């Protein structure tokens, strides 16, 4: 079946919804963690606190990229689903199928 593409709109929509929810959940958790770490670092004195902060800033930037990636994937998947649905509707209308 080379060259053939089959898409189940319900599965596509479900995956899009799951990715969006995961991105939102991750963003909220990262915001909570940032607040907690900021509070901890406010009272942490000495070189080890500065070293930890540097490492945390790098880790946090990476985690932010993961969240953004999930959100972008969800958005692109949603657009793809809309395009597939529009193409299916157009093909159905041309063939005189149900709803067309």
C-alpha atoms as a PDB file:
ATOM      1  CA  UNK A   1       0.000   0.000   0.000  1.00  0.00           C
ATOM      2  CA  UNK A   2       2.782   2.394  -0.815  1.00  0.00           C
ATOM      3  CA  UNK A   3       1.611   5.968  -1.245  1.00  0.00           C
ATOM      4  CA  UNK A   4      -1.741   5.414   0.462  1.00  0.00           C
ATOM      5  CA  UNK A   5      -2.676   7.514   3.456  1.00  0.00           C
ATOM      6  CA  UNK A   6      -5.486   6.683   5.841  1.00  0.00           C
ATOM      7  CA  UNK A   7      -6.468   8.959   8.668  1.00  0.00           C
ATOM      8  CA  UNK A   8      -9.107   8.360  11.318  1.00  0.00           C
ATOM      9  CA  UNK A   9     -10.335  11.847  12.246  1.00  0.00           C
ATOM     10  CA  UNK A  10     -11.401  10.704  15.720  1.00  0.00           C
ATOM     11  CA  UNK A  11      -7.954   9.291  16.483  1.00  0.00           C
ATOM     12  CA  UNK A  12      -6.317  12.432  15.109  1.00  0.00           C
ATOM     13  CA  UNK A  13      -8.541  14.670  17.239  1.00  0.00           C
ATOM     14  CA  UNK A  14      -7.910  12.536  20.318  1.00  0.00           C
ATOM     15  CA  UNK A  15      -4.157  12.678  19.834  1.00  0.00           C
ATOM     16  CA  UNK A  16      -4.298  16.435  19.305  1.00  0.00           C
ATOM     17  CA  UNK A  17      -6.316  16.830  22.491  1.00  0.00           C
ATOM     18  CA  UNK A  18      -3.888  14.646  24.451  1.00  0.00           C
ATOM     19  CA  UNK A  19      -0.874  16.619  23.245  1.00  0.00           C
ATOM     20  CA  UNK A  20      -2.550  19.922  24.110  1.00  0.00           C
ATOM     21  CA  UNK A  21      -3.458  18.671  27.572  1.00  0.00           C
ATOM     22  CA  UNK A  22       0.079  17.378  28.132  1.00  0.00           C
ATOM     23  CA  UNK A  23       1.568  20.732  27.113  1.00  0.00           C
ATOM     24  CA  UNK A  24      -0.799  22.638  29.407  1.00  0.00           C
ATOM     25  CA  UNK A  25      -0.127  20.295  32.328  1.00  0.00           C
ATOM     26  CA  UNK A  26       3.629  20.505  31.818  1.00  0.00           C
ATOM     27  CA  UNK A  27       3.504  24.308  31.650  1.00  0.00           C
ATOM     28  CA  UNK A  28       1.597  24.511  34.944  1.00  0.00           C
ATOM     29  CA  UNK A  29       3.973  22.084  36.630  1.00  0.00           C
ATOM     30  CA  UNK A  30       7.006  24.000  35.375  1.00  0.00           C
ATOM     31  CA  UNK A  31       5.561  27.264  36.667  1.00  0.00           C
ATOM     32  CA  UNK A  32       4.970  25.682  40.080  1.00  0.00           C
ATOM     33  CA  UNK A  33       8.475  24.244  40.144  1.00  0.00           C
ATOM     34  CA  UNK A  34       9.993  27.588  39.124  1.00  0.00           C
ATOM     35  CA  UNK A  35       8.236  29.283  42.042  1.00  0.00           C
ATOM     36  CA  UNK A  36       9.437  26.638  44.478  1.00  0.00           C
ATOM     37  CA  UNK A  37      13.019  26.789  43.241  1.00  0.00           C
ATOM     38  CA  UNK A  38      13.024  30.603  43.347  1.00  0.00           C
ATOM     39  CA  UNK A  39      11.894  30.445  46.977  1.00  0.00           C
ATOM     40  CA  UNK A  40      14.557  27.909  47.833  1.00  0.00           C
ATOM     41  CA  UNK A  41      17.301  29.876  46.091  1.00  0.00           C
ATOM     42  CA  UNK A  42      16.299  33.108  47.837  1.00  0.00           C
ATOM     43  CA  UNK A  43      17.571  31.694  51.114  1.00  0.00           C
ATOM     44  CA  UNK A  44      20.419  29.556  49.775  1.00  0.00           C
ATOM     45  CA  UNK A  45      23.788  31.179  50.372  1.00  0.00           C
ATOM     46  CA  UNK A  46      27.173  30.168  49.103  1.00  0.00           C
ATOM     47  CA  UNK A  47      28.732  28.909  45.916  1.00  0.00           C
ATOM     48  CA  UNK A  48      26.655  25.746  45.783  1.00  0.00           C
ATOM     49  CA  UNK A  49      23.459  27.819  45.530  1.00  0.00           C
ATOM     50  CA  UNK A  50      24.841  29.711  42.546  1.00  0.00           C
ATOM     51  CA  UNK A  51      25.995  26.501  40.920  1.00  0.00           C
ATOM     52  CA  UNK A  52      22.592  24.905  41.446  1.00  0.00           C
ATOM     53  CA  UNK A  53      20.868  27.976  39.997  1.00  0.00           C
ATOM     54  CA  UNK A  54      23.014  27.833  36.848  1.00  0.00           C
ATOM     55  CA  UNK A  55      22.204  24.156  36.354  1.00  0.00           C
ATOM     56  CA  UNK A  56      18.515  24.720  37.055  1.00  0.00           C
ATOM     57  CA  UNK A  57      18.324  27.583  34.554  1.00  0.00           C
ATOM     58  CA  UNK A  58      19.756  25.318  31.836  1.00  0.00           C
ATOM     59  CA  UNK A  59      17.420  22.467  32.783  1.00  0.00           C
ATOM     60  CA  UNK A  60      14.437  24.810  32.896  1.00  0.00           C
ATOM     61  CA  UNK A  61      15.217  26.154  29.421  1.00  0.00           C
ATOM     62  CA  UNK A  62      15.249  22.593  28.093  1.00  0.00           C
ATOM     63  CA  UNK A  63      11.976  21.775  29.833  1.00  0.00           C
ATOM     64  CA  UNK A  64      10.419  24.920  28.341  1.00  0.00           C
ATOM     65  CA  UNK A  65      11.487  23.745  24.883  1.00  0.00           C
ATOM     66  CA  UNK A  66       9.791  20.384  25.476  1.00  0.00           C
ATOM     67  CA  UNK A  67       6.561  22.153  26.483  1.00  0.00           C
ATOM     68  CA  UNK A  68       6.721  24.419  23.434  1.00  0.00           C
ATOM     69  CA  UNK A  69       7.377  21.405  21.210  1.00  0.00           C
ATOM     70  CA  UNK A  70       4.299  19.620  22.546  1.00  0.00           C
ATOM     71  CA  UNK A  71       2.166  22.719  22.010  1.00  0.00           C
ATOM     72  CA  UNK A  72       3.456  23.167  18.451  1.00  0.00           C
ATOM     73  CA  UNK A  73       2.876  19.487  17.648  1.00  0.00           C
ATOM     74  CA  UNK A  74      -0.686  19.725  18.960  1.00  0.00           C
ATOM     75  CA  UNK A  75      -1.341  22.850  16.902  1.00  0.00           C
ATOM     76  CA  UNK A  76       0.077  21.342  13.711  1.00  0.00           C
ATOM     77  CA  UNK A  77      -1.822  18.113  14.243  1.00  0.00           C
ATOM     78  CA  UNK A  78      -5.027  20.093  14.736  1.00  0.00           C
ATOM     79  CA  UNK A  79      -4.464  21.967  11.475  1.00  0.00           C
ATOM     80  CA  UNK A  80      -3.693  18.714   9.662  1.00  0.00           C
ATOM     81  CA  UNK A  81      -6.915  17.213  10.998  1.00  0.00           C
ATOM     82  CA  UNK A  82      -8.905  20.185   9.736  1.00  0.00           C
ATOM     83  CA  UNK A  83      -7.297  19.853   6.305  1.00  0.00           C
ATOM     84  CA  UNK A  84      -8.011  16.118   6.134  1.00  0.00           C
ATOM     85  CA  UNK A  85     -11.628  16.719   7.127  1.00  0.00           C
ATOM     86  CA  UNK A  86     -12.030  19.468   4.521  1.00  0.00           C
ATOM     87  CA  UNK A  87     -10.542  17.240   1.809  1.00  0.00           C
ATOM     88  CA  UNK A  88     -12.802  14.352   2.802  1.00  0.00           C
ATOM     89  CA  UNK A  89     -15.846  16.624   2.717  1.00  0.00           C
ATOM     90  CA  UNK A  90     -14.866  17.963  -0.712  1.00  0.00           C
ATOM     91  CA  UNK A  91     -14.297  14.456  -2.096  1.00  0.00           C
ATOM     92  CA  UNK A  92     -17.598  13.273  -0.649  1.00  0.00           C
ATOM     93  CA  UNK A  93     -19.408  16.215  -2.244  1.00  0.00           C
ATOM     94  CA  UNK A  94     -17.807  15.528  -5.639  1.00  0.00           C
ATOM     95  CA  UNK A  95     -18.836  11.888  -5.478  1.00  0.00           C
ATOM     96  CA  UNK A  96     -22.349  12.749  -4.340  1.00  0.00           C
ATOM     97  CA  UNK A  97     -21.955  10.755  -1.149  1.00  0.00           C
ATOM     98  CA  UNK A  98     -23.812  11.240   2.121  1.00  0.00           C
ATOM     99  CA  UNK A  99     -23.854  14.798   3.401  1.00  0.00           C
ATOM    100  CA  UNK A 100     -22.819  16.024  -0.034  1.00  0.00           C
END
